[in-house]
Amino acid sequence: MDTFEYSLPGNIIPIDGKLKDGGRDTARQSVAEAGSKDDPRMKEAMRLMEAFLAIEDPSARNALLVLAQQLVSHDWARRVTQG
């Protein structure tokens, strides 16, 4: 097995951030836009929505649905892009 010598302390290994020749940049392009269906926050909100719909008390369910809608609102997405 090859041995590597690094001047960095501990078990830190430098990672080359450059794209190799012939490589694809899909990992960098897969960053989800805020509020899109691939956004991790949106996925979490949808999971919470499914849990909210399972709540039998109508007033509690409606309050949680409103909260979930506010979490994924357009205003939230706009604040993320400005930050």
Foldseek 3Di string as FASTA:
>chain_A
DDDDDDPDPDPDDDDDPDADPPGDPVVVVQADQQLDCSHPLNVVLVVVLVVLVPDPDVVSSVVSVVVSCVCSDPVVSVVVVVD
